[in-house]
Amino acid sequence: MTTSHLVIFRDPWNWYYYTIALKGNPAINIASTCISGASGVILPPETGSPSLRAVTGRWSGPHGVPECAAAALRSGKPGPPPVAFRSGARGAALQKYLARDEKRHYHMHMCDTLFFRNAKNPDDTLFAKNSDRHPAERQIFHFAPGSRELSDTLLHDPPDHYREGPWLQLADLFPSFTHTYGAFISRPVWMWGAEMGVNEHGLAIGNEALFSLKETPKHEGLLGMDMLRIALHNCRHAEAALDLLIRLIEEKGQGGNGSDHGSLYYHNGFLISDPAKSFILESAGRRWALREIRSSGSISNDFSLGTRGIEADRCSPGEDPAQFGARFRSPIHGIITRGSTRQKRTSALAAETSAQKASLTPGRGDPLFLSGARILRDHGGPGMASVCMHSPLWPKSETTASMMVRYHKERFVIWYTGTPLPCRSLFKPVCFQEGTEAELEEEFSDSPAVVARFENARRAIREMADPSSARDAEEARTSETVTRELCCGTGTSLAAACRQARETAGDLVAAAGSD
């Protein structure tokens, strides 16, 4: 017999409330399949014991979370469970993992990155990413010249844990590289590293948090976002970036707190693309696995290589390419982040788009751009299962920035939002042909005034009327114009098309904000 039960459980940081359909003995099922090793209690929906009233109530919401449980989460003062269980094959290992630090104020930052190639025209490819961070965190899209010294970086209100940990690791490593290439990057304003970016040679990289049973050092090693930016400034192509990231993972390790709101310790996944090739790199500690993307692929906040029949092309010596992710992934974080659900969704949508063999048709927009935007705006699942993420009650995670790189042979255009929630935002184009490094740095600055402008836009996007109708028409028109210049025009005409599109976008956003 299958019945629905309310599951209440905790790790040392937070309490969680879920409903789940279970067969037979619920404790055995939950321990072996879902939250093995966690502490908790499983209650049938009809439970009415007075001792359990604090955690039972009327069912509501897409996850069936009781209203009183939701209220407890909001207040941060849920009562202890009356019954506990600790069992399951991985229980001992997971308990050790969860008990590392019982004082963390824990947050989750989710992301999704994808790549697909047009089956009809293999020279036409698209890289795309949603950066999901804490809704209150500021993220800025700007041009970063490779020649800038680390000491010249404008960090806005960096937390002590960054200055005293990852920043010191970065400062020690920084002089080892020449930092030759400029890049457009999207980064949290308190750190040097980037969530995503593309350099002047078309090397694009997106970073994902991966959660492993393997411990992440608090003060040693590099943040994945700092690794990402090092690769952008020092590598021309995807294969060179892949080799550099592997070297950093093996020699320097990864660690540090990746959040300015509380704590977030994690391992890293990367999707690395250039006009010719694309790769997935996933890591746990100093171990790694990689796979080349032939036609389409995606990554999210759960291991994909070495799970669900997806075999890595290559991995650290001694690791099994068919079992890498299965060996290192954290089951409890897999449930919370819904990373596997989102990865399956983006992978399917990217594969579907790649197989469509679409071509540029007058009056219909660029099909690769429009398909990429559609995927980043996808609401195919509730809460943390949504690619375009609107912050749930817990954990606090929202799509705070989005970016795409549209390639045609060796040429490319960057499309960025600079605002949260791509379902409500407008993608705007920019290209390196628009000016010199100094000119690009002046227009796409990371100065305090520009950060304030991004902050105002971030607030306005949540308050303005739904822009989808006018936005979709504008994006179809501008994407067709820009892509025609990308494929057939000169660098000068491409730059002019991008500037004109941004001016029109500014007028459209201003009109939507005044409604």
Protein backbone atom coordinates (compact mmCIF):
# COMPACT_ATOMS: atom_id res chain seq x y z
CA MET A 1 0.00 0.00 0.00
CA THR A 2 1.29 3.48 -0.91
CA THR A 3 0.53 6.39 1.44
CA SER A 4 1.56 10.03 1.62
CA HIS A 5 3.55 11.04 4.68
CA LEU A 6 4.90 14.29 6.01
CA VAL A 7 8.64 13.99 6.50
CA ILE A 8 10.25 16.25 9.07
CA PHE A 9 14.00 16.04 9.35
CA ARG A 10 17.05 18.11 10.14
CA ASP A 11 20.75 18.36 9.57
CA PRO A 12 22.93 20.53 11.84
CA TRP A 13 21.96 23.68 9.93
CA ASN A 14 18.25 23.60 9.15
CA TRP A 15 14.95 21.81 9.45
CA TYR A 16 13.22 20.51 6.33
CA TYR A 17 9.60 19.57 5.70
CA TYR A 18 8.52 17.40 2.77
CA THR A 19 5.74 15.07 1.74
CA ILE A 20 6.54 11.80 0.05
CA ALA A 21 4.66 8.75 -1.12
CA LEU A 22 6.01 5.64 0.59
CA LYS A 23 5.34 1.93 0.30
CA GLY A 24 5.45 -0.39 3.27
CA ASN A 25 7.58 0.58 6.27
CA PRO A 26 8.16 4.33 5.85
CA ALA A 27 11.28 4.46 8.01
CA ILE A 28 12.99 1.80 5.89
CA ASN A 29 11.99 3.46 2.65
CA ILE A 30 12.97 6.97 3.64
CA ALA A 31 16.29 5.86 5.08
CA SER A 32 17.27 3.80 2.05
CA THR A 33 16.09 6.06 -0.75
CA CYS A 34 15.90 9.69 0.31
CA ILE A 35 17.53 11.12 3.40
CA SER A 36 19.65 8.29 4.65
CA GLY A 37 21.37 9.20 7.89
CA ALA A 38 19.36 12.33 8.68
CA SER A 39 17.48 12.78 11.93
CA GLY A 40 13.76 13.11 11.64
CA VAL A 41 10.29 11.75 12.07
CA ILE A 42 7.78 10.46 9.53
CA LEU A 43 4.16 11.35 10.18
CA PRO A 44 1.04 10.24 8.30
CA PRO A 45 -1.18 13.15 7.17
CA GLU A 46 -3.91 12.29 9.62
CA THR A 47 -1.65 12.60 12.67
CA GLY A 48 -3.44 14.60 15.34
CA SER A 49 -1.53 13.92 18.51
CA PRO A 50 -1.27 17.07 20.70
CA SER A 51 2.50 16.60 20.94
CA LEU A 52 2.78 16.94 17.16
CA ARG A 53 0.57 19.97 16.59
CA ALA A 54 3.59 22.23 16.02
CA VAL A 55 4.46 20.39 12.84
CA THR A 56 1.14 19.22 11.47
CA GLY A 57 -1.59 21.23 9.84
CA ARG A 58 -3.66 21.85 6.75
CA TRP A 59 -1.96 20.71 3.53
CA SER A 60 -1.15 23.53 1.11
CA GLY A 61 1.28 24.56 -1.63
CA PRO A 62 2.88 22.58 -4.45
CA HIS A 63 4.95 20.45 -2.07
CA GLY A 64 2.13 19.82 0.38
CA VAL A 65 3.97 21.62 3.17
CA PRO A 66 1.66 22.29 6.13
CA GLU A 67 0.98 25.97 6.74
CA CYS A 68 2.21 25.72 10.31
CA ALA A 69 5.45 24.08 9.12
CA ALA A 70 5.94 26.92 6.67
CA ALA A 71 5.31 29.39 9.50
CA ALA A 72 7.90 27.59 11.61
CA LEU A 73 10.42 27.94 8.81
CA ARG A 74 9.64 31.64 8.48
CA SER A 75 10.05 32.21 12.21
CA GLY A 76 13.14 30.03 12.38
CA LYS A 77 11.85 28.41 15.58
CA PRO A 78 10.50 24.94 14.77
CA GLY A 79 10.25 22.58 17.71
CA PRO A 80 12.28 19.38 18.00
CA PRO A 81 10.83 16.21 16.49
CA PRO A 82 9.31 13.84 19.05
CA VAL A 83 10.86 10.76 17.40
CA ALA A 84 14.18 10.31 15.62
CA PHE A 85 15.65 7.72 13.30
CA ARG A 86 19.22 7.20 12.12
CA SER A 87 19.63 4.35 9.68
CA GLY A 88 20.59 3.45 6.14
CA ALA A 89 23.71 2.10 4.47
CA ARG A 90 25.26 5.57 4.16
CA GLY A 91 24.06 6.76 7.55
CA ALA A 92 27.41 6.73 9.35
CA ALA A 93 29.26 8.58 6.59
CA LEU A 94 26.50 11.13 6.17
CA GLN A 95 26.26 11.75 9.92
CA LYS A 96 29.98 12.51 9.99
CA TYR A 97 29.52 14.90 7.07
CA LEU A 98 26.55 16.67 8.65
CA ALA A 99 28.24 16.98 12.04
CA ARG A 100 31.29 18.90 10.78
CA ASP A 101 30.01 22.27 11.89
CA GLU A 102 26.73 22.62 13.76
CA LYS A 103 26.85 26.42 13.81
CA ARG A 104 26.60 27.16 10.10
CA HIS A 105 23.89 29.47 8.87
CA TYR A 106 23.51 27.57 5.63
CA HIS A 107 22.37 28.77 2.21
CA MET A 108 22.00 27.22 -1.23
CA HIS A 109 22.96 28.96 -4.46
CA MET A 110 21.71 27.13 -7.54
CA CYS A 111 22.67 27.52 -11.22
CA ASP A 112 22.11 25.92 -14.61
CA THR A 113 24.48 26.00 -17.60
CA LEU A 114 23.93 24.48 -21.03
CA PHE A 115 25.34 24.25 -24.54
CA PHE A 116 23.87 23.12 -27.84
CA ARG A 117 24.94 22.93 -31.47
CA ASN A 118 22.65 23.44 -34.47
CA ALA A 119 22.48 20.05 -36.20
CA LYS A 120 21.86 21.72 -39.57
CA ASN A 121 24.68 24.27 -39.23
CA PRO A 122 27.33 22.91 -36.80
CA ASP A 123 29.15 26.27 -36.89
CA ASP A 124 26.16 27.78 -35.04
CA THR A 125 26.29 27.06 -31.31
CA LEU A 126 25.01 28.60 -28.07
CA PHE A 127 26.30 28.73 -24.49
CA ALA A 128 23.78 29.82 -21.82
CA LYS A 129 23.64 30.13 -18.06
CA ASN A 130 21.34 31.22 -15.24
CA SER A 131 23.16 32.33 -12.09
CA ASP A 132 21.03 31.57 -9.03
CA ARG A 133 22.16 33.29 -5.84
CA HIS A 134 20.67 34.78 -2.68
CA PRO A 135 18.00 37.33 -3.76
CA ALA A 136 19.64 40.10 -1.71
CA GLU A 137 23.08 39.60 -3.26
CA ARG A 138 24.15 42.13 -5.90
CA GLN A 139 25.60 40.82 -9.17
CA ILE A 140 27.05 43.01 -11.92
CA PHE A 141 27.82 42.42 -15.62
CA HIS A 142 30.97 44.31 -16.63
CA PHE A 143 34.12 44.26 -18.75
CA ALA A 144 37.27 43.11 -16.94
CA PRO A 145 40.59 43.87 -18.69
CA GLY A 146 43.15 41.16 -18.19
CA SER A 147 45.81 43.73 -17.38
CA ARG A 148 44.15 44.93 -14.16
CA GLU A 149 46.09 44.15 -10.99
CA LEU A 150 44.37 42.17 -8.27
CA SER A 151 44.87 45.08 -5.85
CA ASP A 152 42.93 47.33 -8.27
CA THR A 153 39.82 45.18 -8.13
CA LEU A 154 36.76 47.02 -6.85
CA LEU A 155 35.25 44.73 -4.22
CA HIS A 156 32.00 46.07 -2.79
CA ASP A 157 31.49 45.22 0.90
CA PRO A 158 33.51 41.97 0.86
CA PRO A 159 32.79 39.81 3.92
CA ASP A 160 35.64 38.99 6.29
CA HIS A 161 35.53 35.32 5.42
CA TYR A 162 36.44 36.16 1.79
CA ARG A 163 39.26 38.56 2.69
CA GLU A 164 40.68 36.10 5.23
CA GLY A 165 40.31 32.95 3.12
CA PRO A 166 39.88 32.73 -0.68
CA TRP A 167 41.31 36.22 -1.28
CA LEU A 168 44.61 35.25 0.35
CA GLN A 169 44.76 32.05 -1.69
CA LEU A 170 44.06 34.06 -4.84
CA ALA A 171 46.67 36.73 -4.00
CA ASP A 172 49.30 34.02 -3.60
CA LEU A 173 48.44 32.49 -7.00
CA PHE A 174 47.78 35.65 -9.01
CA PRO A 175 51.42 36.55 -9.90
CA SER A 176 51.88 33.09 -11.49
CA PHE A 177 49.82 34.15 -14.52
CA THR A 178 50.07 36.87 -17.16
CA HIS A 179 46.32 37.59 -17.31
CA THR A 180 46.48 38.46 -21.00
CA TYR A 181 42.87 38.47 -22.15
CA GLY A 182 39.97 40.79 -21.39
CA ALA A 183 36.56 39.33 -20.60
CA PHE A 184 32.93 40.24 -20.04
CA ILE A 185 31.94 38.70 -16.72
CA SER A 186 28.93 38.48 -14.43
CA ARG A 187 30.09 38.44 -10.82
CA PRO A 188 28.84 38.95 -7.27
CA VAL A 189 30.17 42.40 -6.41
CA TRP A 190 31.90 41.28 -3.20
CA MET A 191 34.35 38.90 -4.90
CA TRP A 192 36.96 38.90 -7.67
CA GLY A 193 35.73 35.75 -9.38
CA ALA A 194 32.76 35.33 -11.71
CA GLU A 195 29.69 33.17 -12.00
CA MET A 196 30.06 33.20 -15.80
CA GLY A 197 31.92 35.05 -18.49
CA VAL A 198 33.44 35.06 -21.97
CA ASN A 199 36.82 36.38 -23.07
CA GLU A 200 37.93 38.11 -26.26
CA HIS A 201 38.62 34.77 -28.00
CA GLY A 202 35.15 33.40 -27.32
CA LEU A 203 36.09 31.16 -24.39
CA ALA A 204 32.95 30.98 -22.21
CA ILE A 205 32.74 29.29 -18.80
CA GLY A 206 29.90 28.76 -16.34
CA ASN A 207 30.34 27.50 -12.77
CA GLU A 208 28.06 25.30 -10.65
CA ALA A 209 28.09 24.39 -6.97
CA LEU A 210 28.31 20.62 -6.43
CA PHE A 211 27.64 19.02 -3.05
CA SER A 212 29.69 16.02 -2.09
CA LEU A 213 30.20 13.71 0.86
CA LYS A 214 33.84 14.78 0.61
CA GLU A 215 34.63 17.67 2.95
CA THR A 216 35.32 21.15 1.53
CA PRO A 217 38.08 23.07 3.38
CA LYS A 218 36.90 26.30 5.00
CA HIS A 219 40.03 28.40 4.61
CA GLU A 220 42.21 26.54 2.12
CA GLY A 221 41.87 26.20 -1.64
CA LEU A 222 40.24 28.38 -4.28
CA LEU A 223 36.62 29.26 -4.91
CA GLY A 224 35.37 27.89 -8.21
CA MET A 225 34.38 31.40 -9.33
CA ASP A 226 37.94 32.64 -8.82
CA MET A 227 39.23 29.65 -10.82
CA LEU A 228 36.79 30.50 -13.59
CA ARG A 229 38.04 34.07 -13.96
CA ILE A 230 41.70 32.98 -13.89
CA ALA A 231 40.95 30.68 -16.83
CA LEU A 232 39.16 33.42 -18.78
CA HIS A 233 42.08 35.84 -18.45
CA ASN A 234 44.75 33.25 -19.30
CA CYS A 235 43.36 30.76 -21.85
CA ARG A 236 42.42 31.18 -25.53
CA HIS A 237 40.48 27.95 -26.02
CA ALA A 238 38.29 25.47 -24.14
CA GLU A 239 40.90 22.71 -24.04
CA ALA A 240 43.49 25.05 -22.49
CA ALA A 241 40.94 26.20 -19.90
CA LEU A 242 40.04 22.59 -19.13
CA ASP A 243 43.70 21.73 -18.52
CA LEU A 244 44.22 24.81 -16.33
CA LEU A 245 41.14 24.16 -14.20
CA ILE A 246 42.19 20.54 -13.66
CA ARG A 247 45.66 21.71 -12.62
CA LEU A 248 44.21 24.21 -10.14
CA ILE A 249 41.88 21.56 -8.68
CA GLU A 250 44.72 19.06 -8.28
CA GLU A 251 47.45 21.40 -7.05
CA LYS A 252 45.62 24.16 -5.16
CA GLY A 253 42.40 22.44 -4.20
CA GLN A 254 39.01 24.06 -3.76
CA GLY A 255 37.46 25.53 -0.66
CA GLY A 256 36.23 28.62 1.15
CA ASN A 257 32.81 30.12 1.76
CA GLY A 258 31.11 31.02 -1.52
CA SER A 259 28.30 33.13 -0.03
CA ASP A 260 28.09 36.61 1.44
CA HIS A 261 24.83 35.64 3.19
CA GLY A 262 25.73 32.97 5.73
CA SER A 263 27.75 29.94 4.67
CA LEU A 264 28.07 27.92 1.49
CA TYR A 265 30.85 25.34 1.18
CA TYR A 266 30.84 23.31 -1.99
CA HIS A 267 32.77 21.64 -4.80
CA ASN A 268 32.62 22.77 -8.41
CA GLY A 269 31.32 21.88 -11.83
CA PHE A 270 32.19 23.83 -14.99
CA LEU A 271 30.82 23.99 -18.52
CA ILE A 272 33.58 25.28 -20.81
CA SER A 273 32.93 26.33 -24.42
CA ASP A 274 34.60 28.05 -27.36
CA PRO A 275 33.51 28.39 -31.01
CA ALA A 276 34.67 24.83 -31.76
CA LYS A 277 34.36 22.66 -28.63
CA SER A 278 32.57 22.33 -25.33
CA PHE A 279 33.33 20.30 -22.18
CA ILE A 280 31.81 19.40 -18.81
CA LEU A 281 34.17 19.22 -15.83
CA GLU A 282 32.93 18.04 -12.41
CA SER A 283 35.03 17.75 -9.26
CA ALA A 284 35.07 16.61 -5.65
CA GLY A 285 38.02 17.72 -3.56
CA ARG A 286 41.06 17.23 -5.80
CA ARG A 287 39.38 14.56 -7.91
CA TRP A 288 37.69 15.30 -11.25
CA ALA A 289 35.89 13.87 -14.26
CA LEU A 290 35.28 15.36 -17.72
CA ARG A 291 33.19 14.74 -20.81
CA GLU A 292 33.18 16.48 -24.19
CA ILE A 293 29.79 17.72 -25.41
CA ARG A 294 29.24 16.64 -29.00
CA SER A 295 25.84 18.13 -29.79
CA SER A 296 24.22 19.29 -26.52
CA GLY A 297 24.61 19.04 -22.79
CA SER A 298 24.04 20.77 -19.46
CA ILE A 299 25.11 20.86 -15.82
CA SER A 300 23.38 21.81 -12.59
CA ASN A 301 23.87 21.40 -8.83
CA ASP A 302 24.19 17.64 -8.72
CA PHE A 303 26.80 15.36 -10.23
CA SER A 304 25.93 14.10 -13.72
CA LEU A 305 29.12 12.37 -14.88
CA GLY A 306 29.28 8.83 -13.56
CA THR A 307 25.56 8.78 -12.72
CA ARG A 308 22.41 7.65 -14.56
CA GLY A 309 24.48 5.92 -17.25
CA ILE A 310 26.38 9.11 -18.23
CA GLU A 311 30.00 8.01 -18.42
CA ALA A 312 32.92 10.42 -18.22
CA ASP A 313 35.44 10.50 -21.05
CA ARG A 314 38.31 10.86 -18.59
CA CYS A 315 38.79 11.27 -14.85
CA SER A 316 41.40 11.34 -12.08
CA PRO A 317 43.66 8.26 -11.96
CA GLY A 318 41.97 5.44 -10.12
CA GLU A 319 38.44 6.78 -10.55
CA ASP A 320 35.75 4.84 -12.43
CA PRO A 321 34.33 6.96 -15.32
CA ALA A 322 30.97 5.20 -14.89
CA GLN A 323 30.75 5.75 -11.10
CA PHE A 324 32.46 9.10 -10.39
CA GLY A 325 29.34 11.07 -9.48
CA ALA A 326 27.69 8.13 -7.74
CA ARG A 327 30.73 7.80 -5.48
CA PHE A 328 30.97 11.45 -4.45
CA ARG A 329 27.48 13.01 -4.58
CA SER A 330 25.60 13.95 -1.40
CA PRO A 331 22.13 12.34 -1.47
CA ILE A 332 20.61 14.83 0.97
CA HIS A 333 21.72 17.83 -1.09
CA GLY A 334 20.39 16.13 -4.20
CA ILE A 335 16.92 16.21 -2.67
CA ILE A 336 17.15 19.80 -1.49
CA THR A 337 18.73 21.39 -4.57
CA ARG A 338 16.70 19.46 -7.17
CA GLY A 339 19.85 19.76 -9.29
CA SER A 340 19.35 16.42 -11.02
CA THR A 341 15.78 17.37 -11.92
CA ARG A 342 16.88 20.65 -13.48
CA GLN A 343 19.82 19.03 -15.28
CA LYS A 344 17.53 16.45 -16.88
CA ARG A 345 15.16 19.23 -17.91
CA THR A 346 17.80 21.52 -19.47
CA SER A 347 19.54 18.57 -21.11
CA ALA A 348 16.30 17.44 -22.75
CA LEU A 349 15.41 20.96 -23.93
CA ALA A 350 18.93 21.54 -25.30
CA ALA A 351 18.89 18.21 -27.15
CA GLU A 352 15.46 18.98 -28.58
CA THR A 353 16.66 22.39 -29.79
CA SER A 354 19.83 20.96 -31.31
CA ALA A 355 17.87 18.39 -33.30
CA GLN A 356 15.43 20.90 -34.77
CA LYS A 357 17.90 22.00 -37.49
CA ALA A 358 16.49 25.53 -37.39
CA SER A 359 17.76 28.32 -39.63
CA LEU A 360 17.42 32.10 -39.68
CA THR A 361 14.06 33.01 -41.25
CA PRO A 362 13.08 36.62 -42.05
CA GLY A 363 10.69 38.07 -39.48
CA ARG A 364 11.00 35.20 -36.99
CA GLY A 365 14.15 36.02 -35.03
CA ASP A 366 17.28 33.97 -34.42
CA PRO A 367 16.09 30.44 -33.49
CA LEU A 368 19.21 29.61 -31.45
CA PHE A 369 18.95 32.77 -29.36
CA LEU A 370 15.19 32.41 -28.88
CA SER A 371 15.54 28.75 -27.89
CA GLY A 372 18.27 29.57 -25.39
CA ALA A 373 16.16 32.34 -23.85
CA ARG A 374 13.17 30.00 -23.68
CA ILE A 375 15.20 27.41 -21.75
CA LEU A 376 16.58 29.97 -19.28
CA ARG A 377 13.00 31.21 -18.70
CA ASP A 378 11.61 27.72 -18.22
CA HIS A 379 9.28 27.08 -15.26
CA GLY A 380 9.02 23.36 -15.86
CA GLY A 381 9.02 22.48 -12.16
CA PRO A 382 7.99 24.02 -8.84
CA GLY A 383 10.39 25.83 -6.51
CA MET A 384 13.96 24.59 -6.75
CA ALA A 385 13.03 22.44 -9.77
CA SER A 386 12.48 25.58 -11.90
CA VAL A 387 15.25 26.66 -14.29
CA CYS A 388 14.10 30.28 -13.95
CA MET A 389 14.14 30.21 -10.17
CA HIS A 390 11.94 32.43 -8.02
CA SER A 391 13.15 32.27 -4.45
CA PRO A 392 11.16 29.74 -2.38
CA LEU A 393 10.54 30.05 1.34
CA TRP A 394 13.73 28.07 1.89
CA PRO A 395 16.40 27.80 0.70
CA LYS A 396 16.77 31.39 -0.49
CA SER A 397 17.89 31.13 -4.12
CA GLU A 398 16.80 33.19 -7.11
CA THR A 399 17.98 33.61 -10.69
CA THR A 400 19.92 36.86 -10.24
CA ALA A 401 21.58 37.11 -13.68
CA SER A 402 21.51 35.37 -17.07
CA MET A 403 23.92 35.30 -20.00
CA MET A 404 24.22 33.65 -23.41
CA VAL A 405 27.00 33.51 -26.01
CA ARG A 406 25.84 33.04 -29.61
CA TYR A 407 28.61 31.64 -31.85
CA HIS A 408 28.90 31.58 -35.63
CA LYS A 409 32.19 30.02 -36.68
CA GLU A 410 34.90 32.08 -34.92
CA ARG A 411 32.67 35.09 -34.26
CA PHE A 412 30.29 35.56 -31.34
CA VAL A 413 27.89 37.93 -29.58
CA ILE A 414 27.15 38.08 -25.85
CA TRP A 415 23.55 38.47 -24.65
CA TYR A 416 23.06 39.46 -21.00
CA THR A 417 20.21 40.56 -18.73
CA GLY A 418 22.00 42.40 -15.93
CA THR A 419 18.82 41.86 -13.90
CA PRO A 420 17.20 38.94 -12.05
CA LEU A 421 14.40 36.68 -13.26
CA PRO A 422 14.93 36.13 -17.01
CA CYS A 423 11.19 35.51 -17.39
CA ARG A 424 10.75 39.23 -16.68
CA SER A 425 14.03 40.54 -18.12
CA LEU A 426 15.25 41.60 -21.54
CA PHE A 427 18.41 40.17 -23.10
CA LYS A 428 20.74 42.83 -24.53
CA PRO A 429 23.68 42.22 -26.93
CA VAL A 430 27.30 43.34 -26.72
CA CYS A 431 30.42 42.40 -28.69
CA PHE A 432 34.15 42.98 -28.38
CA GLN A 433 34.21 44.85 -31.69
CA GLU A 434 32.56 47.85 -29.99
CA GLY A 435 35.81 49.38 -28.78
CA THR A 436 39.24 49.09 -27.27
CA GLU A 437 39.80 47.61 -23.82
CA ALA A 438 39.80 51.08 -22.32
CA GLU A 439 36.56 52.01 -24.10
CA LEU A 440 34.82 48.79 -23.09
CA GLU A 441 35.99 49.18 -19.50
CA GLU A 442 34.64 52.72 -19.39
CA GLU A 443 31.21 51.78 -20.79
CA PHE A 444 30.89 48.46 -18.91
CA SER A 445 32.43 49.54 -15.61
CA ASP A 446 32.23 48.01 -12.14
CA SER A 447 32.37 51.39 -10.40
CA PRO A 448 30.14 52.11 -7.38
CA ALA A 449 27.87 54.25 -9.57
CA VAL A 450 27.34 51.38 -12.01
CA VAL A 451 26.75 48.93 -9.17
CA ALA A 452 24.08 51.30 -7.84
CA ARG A 453 22.50 51.40 -11.31
CA PHE A 454 22.38 47.60 -11.43
CA GLU A 455 20.83 47.59 -7.94
CA ASN A 456 18.09 49.99 -9.07
CA ALA A 457 17.40 47.85 -12.14
CA ARG A 458 17.29 44.74 -9.96
CA ARG A 459 14.59 46.29 -7.79
CA ALA A 460 12.64 47.71 -10.73
CA ILE A 461 12.42 44.39 -12.58
CA ARG A 462 10.42 42.91 -9.70
CA GLU A 463 7.99 45.82 -9.64
CA MET A 464 7.33 46.58 -13.30
CA ALA A 465 4.37 45.27 -15.28
CA ASP A 466 4.84 41.97 -17.12
CA PRO A 467 7.01 42.91 -20.12
CA SER A 468 6.75 39.57 -21.96
CA SER A 469 4.63 40.62 -24.96
CA ALA A 470 6.63 43.71 -25.97
CA ARG A 471 9.86 42.06 -24.88
CA ASP A 472 9.37 38.94 -27.01
CA ALA A 473 8.66 41.01 -30.11
CA GLU A 474 11.71 43.19 -29.49
CA GLU A 475 14.00 40.22 -28.84
CA ALA A 476 12.83 38.50 -32.03
CA ARG A 477 13.52 41.64 -34.06
CA THR A 478 16.90 42.50 -32.53
CA SER A 479 18.17 38.91 -32.43
CA GLU A 480 17.49 38.57 -36.17
CA THR A 481 19.27 41.86 -36.94
CA VAL A 482 22.27 41.13 -34.71
CA THR A 483 22.65 37.54 -35.93
CA ARG A 484 22.58 38.59 -39.59
CA GLU A 485 25.43 40.99 -38.85
CA LEU A 486 27.21 38.25 -36.89
CA CYS A 487 27.02 35.85 -39.82
CA CYS A 488 27.36 38.19 -42.79
CA GLY A 489 28.35 41.69 -41.67
CA THR A 490 31.56 43.41 -40.67
CA GLY A 491 32.83 44.00 -37.16
CA THR A 492 31.77 47.62 -37.45
CA SER A 493 28.22 46.79 -38.53
CA LEU A 494 27.91 44.15 -35.78
CA ALA A 495 29.03 46.68 -33.16
CA ALA A 496 26.51 49.23 -34.46
CA ALA A 497 23.69 46.66 -34.33
CA CYS A 498 24.52 45.78 -30.72
CA ARG A 499 24.61 49.43 -29.63
CA GLN A 500 21.29 50.17 -31.33
CA ALA A 501 19.69 47.12 -29.72
CA ARG A 502 20.80 48.23 -26.23
CA GLU A 503 19.42 51.73 -26.79
CA THR A 504 16.07 50.31 -27.87
CA ALA A 505 16.09 47.91 -24.91
CA GLY A 506 16.63 50.84 -22.55
CA ASP A 507 13.63 52.65 -23.99
CA LEU A 508 11.49 49.51 -23.72
CA VAL A 509 12.45 48.87 -20.10
CA ALA A 510 11.82 52.52 -19.21
CA ALA A 511 8.36 52.35 -20.81
CA ALA A 512 7.51 49.12 -18.96
CA GLY A 513 8.66 50.63 -15.67
CA SER A 514 6.41 53.66 -16.10
CA ASP A 515 3.24 51.61 -16.65
